[in-house]
Amino acid sequence: MNTKPALLGGVPLALGTGMGAELRRPLGISIIGGLILSQLLTLYTTPVIYLAFDRLAKRLGRLRAKRRAPQLQPEAGS
């Protein structure tokens, strides 16, 4: 939600003309590019990390369940 206003705030820097625009333009482009890249990385990596931790928790849960379950061994006399 905060990315959009920050991105739109960089647009005048990137598209502006006039005195000193050649110094401000790279700043505007880097702001816009950095915000877009970070937003995309966040949207794609957060679910992937969540799924990885969920799978890890399931594996650890299965291992703990195996260790806690008593081992049934057949008796020699039966």
C-alpha atoms as a PDB file:
ATOM      1  CA  MET A   1       0.000   0.000   0.000  1.00  0.00           C
ATOM      2  CA  ASN A   2       2.891   2.348   0.666  1.00  0.00           C
ATOM      3  CA  THR A   3       4.738   1.305  -2.475  1.00  0.00           C
ATOM      4  CA  LYS A   4       2.287   2.906  -4.867  1.00  0.00           C
ATOM      5  CA  PRO A   5       2.529   6.473  -3.462  1.00  0.00           C
ATOM      6  CA  ALA A   6       6.311   6.196  -3.220  1.00  0.00           C
ATOM      7  CA  LEU A   7       6.472   4.968  -6.812  1.00  0.00           C
ATOM      8  CA  LEU A   8       4.217   7.768  -8.019  1.00  0.00           C
ATOM      9  CA  GLY A   9       6.375  10.230  -6.100  1.00  0.00           C
ATOM     10  CA  GLY A  10       9.372   9.140  -8.166  1.00  0.00           C
ATOM     11  CA  VAL A  11       7.620   9.642 -11.492  1.00  0.00           C
ATOM     12  CA  PRO A  12       8.166  13.439 -11.618  1.00  0.00           C
ATOM     13  CA  LEU A  13      11.854  12.872 -10.925  1.00  0.00           C
ATOM     14  CA  ALA A  14      12.153  10.339 -13.741  1.00  0.00           C
ATOM     15  CA  LEU A  15      10.096  12.273 -16.293  1.00  0.00           C
ATOM     16  CA  GLY A  16      10.906  15.833 -15.318  1.00  0.00           C
ATOM     17  CA  THR A  17      12.594  18.298 -17.637  1.00  0.00           C
ATOM     18  CA  GLY A  18      14.217  21.602 -16.984  1.00  0.00           C
ATOM     19  CA  MET A  19      17.244  22.798 -15.106  1.00  0.00           C
ATOM     20  CA  GLY A  20      18.937  20.010 -13.162  1.00  0.00           C
ATOM     21  CA  ALA A  21      16.766  17.249 -14.619  1.00  0.00           C
ATOM     22  CA  GLU A  22      19.836  15.337 -15.786  1.00  0.00           C
ATOM     23  CA  LEU A  23      20.882  14.978 -12.146  1.00  0.00           C
ATOM     24  CA  ARG A  24      17.454  14.001 -10.802  1.00  0.00           C
ATOM     25  CA  ARG A  25      16.437  11.581 -13.555  1.00  0.00           C
ATOM     26  CA  PRO A  26      18.737   8.685 -12.470  1.00  0.00           C
ATOM     27  CA  LEU A  27      17.422   9.030  -8.925  1.00  0.00           C
ATOM     28  CA  GLY A  28      13.813   8.792 -10.116  1.00  0.00           C
ATOM     29  CA  ILE A  29      14.554   5.797 -12.319  1.00  0.00           C
ATOM     30  CA  SER A  30      16.371   3.981  -9.527  1.00  0.00           C
ATOM     31  CA  ILE A  31      13.538   4.708  -7.069  1.00  0.00           C
ATOM     32  CA  ILE A  32      10.912   3.375  -9.473  1.00  0.00           C
ATOM     33  CA  GLY A  33      12.969   0.347 -10.507  1.00  0.00           C
ATOM     34  CA  GLY A  34      13.921  -0.525  -6.944  1.00  0.00           C
ATOM     35  CA  LEU A  35      10.354  -0.300  -5.699  1.00  0.00           C
ATOM     36  CA  ILE A  36       9.010  -2.434  -8.535  1.00  0.00           C
ATOM     37  CA  LEU A  37      11.731  -5.045  -8.093  1.00  0.00           C
ATOM     38  CA  SER A  38      11.338  -5.219  -4.320  1.00  0.00           C
ATOM     39  CA  GLN A  39       7.551  -5.487  -4.623  1.00  0.00           C
ATOM     40  CA  LEU A  40       7.820  -8.346  -7.121  1.00  0.00           C
ATOM     41  CA  LEU A  41      10.389 -10.159  -5.007  1.00  0.00           C
ATOM     42  CA  THR A  42       8.205  -9.777  -1.937  1.00  0.00           C
ATOM     43  CA  LEU A  43       5.111 -11.052  -3.716  1.00  0.00           C
ATOM     44  CA  TYR A  44       6.914 -14.108  -5.077  1.00  0.00           C
ATOM     45  CA  THR A  45       9.307 -15.028  -2.270  1.00  0.00           C
ATOM     46  CA  THR A  46       6.962 -14.694   0.704  1.00  0.00           C
ATOM     47  CA  PRO A  47       4.637 -17.548  -0.366  1.00  0.00           C
ATOM     48  CA  VAL A  48       7.602 -19.705  -1.368  1.00  0.00           C
ATOM     49  CA  ILE A  49       9.267 -19.255   2.029  1.00  0.00           C
ATOM     50  CA  TYR A  50       5.952 -19.883   3.800  1.00  0.00           C
ATOM     51  CA  LEU A  51       5.452 -23.134   1.886  1.00  0.00           C
ATOM     52  CA  ALA A  52       9.017 -24.236   2.596  1.00  0.00           C
ATOM     53  CA  PHE A  53       8.592 -23.667   6.339  1.00  0.00           C
ATOM     54  CA  ASP A  54       5.221 -25.431   6.261  1.00  0.00           C
ATOM     55  CA  ARG A  55       6.736 -28.493   4.585  1.00  0.00           C
ATOM     56  CA  LEU A  56       9.633 -28.453   7.048  1.00  0.00           C
ATOM     57  CA  ALA A  57       7.207 -28.323   9.977  1.00  0.00           C
ATOM     58  CA  LYS A  58       5.275 -31.289   8.573  1.00  0.00           C
ATOM     59  CA  ARG A  59       8.470 -33.323   8.148  1.00  0.00           C
ATOM     60  CA  LEU A  60       9.623 -32.515  11.652  1.00  0.00           C
ATOM     61  CA  GLY A  61       6.180 -33.405  12.985  1.00  0.00           C
ATOM     62  CA  ARG A  62       6.323 -36.794  11.291  1.00  0.00           C
ATOM     63  CA  LEU A  63       9.815 -37.446  12.679  1.00  0.00           C
ATOM     64  CA  ARG A  64       8.700 -36.533  16.194  1.00  0.00           C
ATOM     65  CA  ALA A  65       5.651 -38.765  15.887  1.00  0.00           C
ATOM     66  CA  LYS A  66       7.844 -41.694  14.820  1.00  0.00           C
ATOM     67  CA  ARG A  67      10.167 -41.200  17.782  1.00  0.00           C
ATOM     68  CA  ARG A  68       7.296 -40.965  20.275  1.00  0.00           C
ATOM     69  CA  ALA A  69       5.416 -44.001  18.956  1.00  0.00           C
ATOM     70  CA  PRO A  70       6.403 -47.155  20.852  1.00  0.00           C
ATOM     71  CA  GLN A  71       8.168 -49.707  18.756  1.00  0.00           C
ATOM     72  CA  LEU A  72       6.157 -52.915  18.679  1.00  0.00           C
ATOM     73  CA  GLN A  73       8.455 -55.892  18.641  1.00  0.00           C
ATOM     74  CA  PRO A  74       7.149 -59.459  18.184  1.00  0.00           C
ATOM     75  CA  GLU A  75       7.565 -61.654  21.232  1.00  0.00           C
ATOM     76  CA  ALA A  76       9.690 -64.780  20.877  1.00  0.00           C
ATOM     77  CA  GLY A  77       7.173 -67.143  22.591  1.00  0.00           C
ATOM     78  CA  SER A  78       4.076 -66.253  20.515  1.00  0.00           C
END
